[in-house]
Amino acid sequence: MTILVAYVARPEGQAALDKGIEIAKRRKEPLLVVNAAPGGNTEDPSLLDTQEFERVERVLAEAGIQAELKQFVRGKNAVEEIQTLVDTLPVSVLVIGLRRRSPVGKLIMGSVAQELLLSVNCPVLAVKAGT
């Protein structure tokens, strides 16, 4: 089984990464950290820049677990990429990070976390980012 972490370079992404590493150590399962965006002509703030990508790779290397970081930019949004991984890999748990948002913010922007909670066919652990 694999632990899957949905990662963005924000506090909620770091909270998910930390919890994913903790679970992987405890369960002795491999960890797959995923960063995804549809791509296109505009820069997507969800995508990791080179410095952040290398930082996460160092964190994973130092964690002492079997871990991999993948970044997908191939036309699918993050929810579609994660759904595909859950459907094709033996995922024991998906770890996602949450942040506080106003009701209006949720209405206007939607919620990737909510979409994942309602759509994937595996257990989901939602971790709240520290303030």
C-alpha atoms as a PDB file:
ATOM      1  CA  MET A   1       0.000   0.000   0.000  1.00  0.00           C
ATOM      2  CA  THR A   2       1.059   3.598  -0.613  1.00  0.00           C
ATOM      3  CA  ILE A   3       0.408   6.788   1.301  1.00  0.00           C
ATOM      4  CA  LEU A   4      -0.481   9.606  -1.073  1.00  0.00           C
ATOM      5  CA  VAL A   5       0.010  13.272  -0.144  1.00  0.00           C
ATOM      6  CA  ALA A   6      -1.496  16.125  -2.147  1.00  0.00           C
ATOM      7  CA  TYR A   7       1.102  18.902  -1.854  1.00  0.00           C
ATOM      8  CA  VAL A   8       1.035  22.638  -2.528  1.00  0.00           C
ATOM      9  CA  ALA A   9       3.666  25.122  -1.351  1.00  0.00           C
ATOM     10  CA  ARG A  10       1.487  26.630   1.374  1.00  0.00           C
ATOM     11  CA  PRO A  11       1.083  25.886   5.091  1.00  0.00           C
ATOM     12  CA  GLU A  12      -1.670  23.348   4.418  1.00  0.00           C
ATOM     13  CA  GLY A  13       0.620  21.504   2.013  1.00  0.00           C
ATOM     14  CA  GLN A  14       3.388  21.391   4.598  1.00  0.00           C
ATOM     15  CA  ALA A  15       0.930  20.090   7.213  1.00  0.00           C
ATOM     16  CA  ALA A  16      -0.117  17.290   4.826  1.00  0.00           C
ATOM     17  CA  LEU A  17       3.519  16.469   4.030  1.00  0.00           C
ATOM     18  CA  ASP A  18       4.493  16.301   7.704  1.00  0.00           C
ATOM     19  CA  LYS A  19       1.555  14.023   8.530  1.00  0.00           C
ATOM     20  CA  GLY A  20       2.220  11.825   5.488  1.00  0.00           C
ATOM     21  CA  ILE A  21       5.838  11.331   6.570  1.00  0.00           C
ATOM     22  CA  GLU A  22       4.706  10.506  10.106  1.00  0.00           C
ATOM     23  CA  ILE A  23       2.217   7.885   8.864  1.00  0.00           C
ATOM     24  CA  ALA A  24       4.716   6.378   6.406  1.00  0.00           C
ATOM     25  CA  LYS A  25       7.258   5.927   9.199  1.00  0.00           C
ATOM     26  CA  ARG A  26       4.702   4.374  11.527  1.00  0.00           C
ATOM     27  CA  ARG A  27       3.187   2.023   8.919  1.00  0.00           C
ATOM     28  CA  LYS A  28       6.446   1.383   7.047  1.00  0.00           C
ATOM     29  CA  GLU A  29       4.673   2.168   3.765  1.00  0.00           C
ATOM     30  CA  PRO A  30       6.036   4.107   0.787  1.00  0.00           C
ATOM     31  CA  LEU A  31       5.028   7.739   0.406  1.00  0.00           C
ATOM     32  CA  LEU A  32       4.078   9.418  -2.861  1.00  0.00           C
ATOM     33  CA  VAL A  33       3.885  13.221  -2.745  1.00  0.00           C
ATOM     34  CA  VAL A  34       2.023  14.790  -5.671  1.00  0.00           C
ATOM     35  CA  ASN A  35       1.930  18.356  -6.935  1.00  0.00           C
ATOM     36  CA  ALA A  36      -0.351  18.913  -9.922  1.00  0.00           C
ATOM     37  CA  ALA A  37      -1.812  21.663 -12.081  1.00  0.00           C
ATOM     38  CA  PRO A  38      -3.380  21.823 -15.527  1.00  0.00           C
ATOM     39  CA  GLY A  39      -0.587  23.933 -17.010  1.00  0.00           C
ATOM     40  CA  GLY A  40      -1.094  26.245 -19.943  1.00  0.00           C
ATOM     41  CA  ASN A  41       0.114  29.713 -20.833  1.00  0.00           C
ATOM     42  CA  THR A  42      -0.240  31.266 -17.380  1.00  0.00           C
ATOM     43  CA  GLU A  43       1.832  30.436 -14.344  1.00  0.00           C
ATOM     44  CA  ASP A  44      -0.103  28.410 -11.806  1.00  0.00           C
ATOM     45  CA  PRO A  45       0.682  29.287  -8.173  1.00  0.00           C
ATOM     46  CA  SER A  46      -0.023  25.660  -7.220  1.00  0.00           C
ATOM     47  CA  LEU A  47       3.045  24.446  -9.112  1.00  0.00           C
ATOM     48  CA  LEU A  48       6.284  24.116  -7.225  1.00  0.00           C
ATOM     49  CA  ASP A  49       9.204  26.205  -8.372  1.00  0.00           C
ATOM     50  CA  THR A  50      12.625  24.559  -8.624  1.00  0.00           C
ATOM     51  CA  GLN A  51      13.718  25.704  -5.173  1.00  0.00           C
ATOM     52  CA  GLU A  52      10.594  24.352  -3.445  1.00  0.00           C
ATOM     53  CA  PHE A  53      10.731  21.092  -5.425  1.00  0.00           C
ATOM     54  CA  GLU A  54      14.332  20.550  -4.304  1.00  0.00           C
ATOM     55  CA  ARG A  55      13.452  21.445  -0.693  1.00  0.00           C
ATOM     56  CA  VAL A  56      10.681  18.831  -0.584  1.00  0.00           C
ATOM     57  CA  GLU A  57      12.983  16.237  -2.156  1.00  0.00           C
ATOM     58  CA  ARG A  58      15.555  16.944   0.607  1.00  0.00           C
ATOM     59  CA  VAL A  59      12.888  16.613   3.319  1.00  0.00           C
ATOM     60  CA  LEU A  60      11.841  13.258   1.868  1.00  0.00           C
ATOM     61  CA  ALA A  61      15.440  12.036   1.558  1.00  0.00           C
ATOM     62  CA  GLU A  62      16.137  12.969   5.183  1.00  0.00           C
ATOM     63  CA  ALA A  63      12.940  11.320   6.461  1.00  0.00           C
ATOM     64  CA  GLY A  64      14.412   7.828   6.217  1.00  0.00           C
ATOM     65  CA  ILE A  65      11.457   6.361   4.307  1.00  0.00           C
ATOM     66  CA  GLN A  66      10.783   5.188   0.775  1.00  0.00           C
ATOM     67  CA  ALA A  67       9.376   8.354  -0.785  1.00  0.00           C
ATOM     68  CA  GLU A  68       8.920  10.010  -4.141  1.00  0.00           C
ATOM     69  CA  LEU A  69       7.829  13.479  -5.284  1.00  0.00           C
ATOM     70  CA  LYS A  70       5.995  13.791  -8.596  1.00  0.00           C
ATOM     71  CA  GLN A  71       4.813  16.909 -10.351  1.00  0.00           C
ATOM     72  CA  PHE A  72       2.135  16.659 -13.041  1.00  0.00           C
ATOM     73  CA  VAL A  73       1.426  19.397 -15.587  1.00  0.00           C
ATOM     74  CA  ARG A  74      -0.430  17.650 -18.355  1.00  0.00           C
ATOM     75  CA  GLY A  75      -3.833  19.251 -18.763  1.00  0.00           C
ATOM     76  CA  LYS A  76      -5.609  17.686 -15.793  1.00  0.00           C
ATOM     77  CA  ASN A  77      -6.426  19.572 -12.618  1.00  0.00           C
ATOM     78  CA  ALA A  78      -5.152  18.383  -9.228  1.00  0.00           C
ATOM     79  CA  VAL A  79      -8.349  16.510  -8.395  1.00  0.00           C
ATOM     80  CA  GLU A  80      -8.262  14.551 -11.678  1.00  0.00           C
ATOM     81  CA  GLU A  81      -4.580  13.650 -11.228  1.00  0.00           C
ATOM     82  CA  ILE A  82      -5.130  12.446  -7.668  1.00  0.00           C
ATOM     83  CA  GLN A  83      -8.267  10.498  -8.624  1.00  0.00           C
ATOM     84  CA  THR A  84      -6.279   8.734 -11.355  1.00  0.00           C
ATOM     85  CA  LEU A  85      -3.514   7.820  -8.895  1.00  0.00           C
ATOM     86  CA  VAL A  86      -6.011   6.534  -6.323  1.00  0.00           C
ATOM     87  CA  ASP A  87      -7.687   4.432  -9.016  1.00  0.00           C
ATOM     88  CA  THR A  88      -4.422   2.942 -10.325  1.00  0.00           C
ATOM     89  CA  LEU A  89      -2.279   2.530  -7.185  1.00  0.00           C
ATOM     90  CA  PRO A  90      -2.931   0.636  -3.971  1.00  0.00           C
ATOM     91  CA  VAL A  91      -3.436   3.798  -1.852  1.00  0.00           C
ATOM     92  CA  SER A  92      -4.020   3.167   1.843  1.00  0.00           C
ATOM     93  CA  VAL A  93      -4.735   6.823   2.663  1.00  0.00           C
ATOM     94  CA  LEU A  94      -4.770  10.191   0.920  1.00  0.00           C
ATOM     95  CA  VAL A  95      -3.481  13.033   3.089  1.00  0.00           C
ATOM     96  CA  ILE A  96      -4.651  16.552   2.273  1.00  0.00           C
ATOM     97  CA  GLY A  97      -4.138  19.867   4.010  1.00  0.00           C
ATOM     98  CA  LEU A  98      -6.889  22.302   4.920  1.00  0.00           C
ATOM     99  CA  ARG A  99      -6.854  26.017   5.529  1.00  0.00           C
ATOM    100  CA  ARG A 100      -9.416  28.335   6.974  1.00  0.00           C
ATOM    101  CA  ARG A 101     -11.553  30.061   4.351  1.00  0.00           C
ATOM    102  CA  SER A 102     -14.562  32.306   4.607  1.00  0.00           C
ATOM    103  CA  PRO A 103     -17.916  30.946   3.404  1.00  0.00           C
ATOM    104  CA  VAL A 104     -17.818  33.431   0.505  1.00  0.00           C
ATOM    105  CA  GLY A 105     -14.293  32.294  -0.397  1.00  0.00           C
ATOM    106  CA  LYS A 106     -15.479  28.690  -0.531  1.00  0.00           C
ATOM    107  CA  LEU A 107     -18.469  29.635  -2.669  1.00  0.00           C
ATOM    108  CA  ILE A 108     -16.484  31.648  -5.203  1.00  0.00           C
ATOM    109  CA  MET A 109     -13.318  29.566  -5.396  1.00  0.00           C
ATOM    110  CA  GLY A 110     -14.676  26.081  -4.750  1.00  0.00           C
ATOM    111  CA  SER A 111     -12.623  23.647  -2.730  1.00  0.00           C
ATOM    112  CA  VAL A 112     -10.149  21.076  -4.005  1.00  0.00           C
ATOM    113  CA  ALA A 113     -10.202  19.459  -0.572  1.00  0.00           C
ATOM    114  CA  GLN A 114     -13.989  19.123  -0.673  1.00  0.00           C
ATOM    115  CA  GLU A 115     -13.872  17.625  -4.180  1.00  0.00           C
ATOM    116  CA  LEU A 116     -11.266  15.100  -3.070  1.00  0.00           C
ATOM    117  CA  LEU A 117     -13.178  14.180   0.080  1.00  0.00           C
ATOM    118  CA  LEU A 118     -16.281  13.468  -1.975  1.00  0.00           C
ATOM    119  CA  SER A 119     -14.748  11.774  -4.996  1.00  0.00           C
ATOM    120  CA  VAL A 120     -11.816   9.475  -4.180  1.00  0.00           C
ATOM    121  CA  ASN A 121     -12.263   5.795  -3.366  1.00  0.00           C
ATOM    122  CA  CYS A 122      -9.881   5.560  -0.422  1.00  0.00           C
ATOM    123  CA  PRO A 123      -9.696   6.904   3.123  1.00  0.00           C
ATOM    124  CA  VAL A 124      -8.849  10.621   3.266  1.00  0.00           C
ATOM    125  CA  LEU A 125      -7.091  12.281   6.182  1.00  0.00           C
ATOM    126  CA  ALA A 126      -7.613  16.040   6.231  1.00  0.00           C
ATOM    127  CA  VAL A 127      -4.944  17.864   8.242  1.00  0.00           C
ATOM    128  CA  LYS A 128      -5.513  21.424   9.409  1.00  0.00           C
ATOM    129  CA  ALA A 129      -2.639  23.822   8.827  1.00  0.00           C
ATOM    130  CA  GLY A 130      -1.291  25.632  11.866  1.00  0.00           C
ATOM    131  CA  THR A 131      -1.916  29.330  12.113  1.00  0.00           C
END
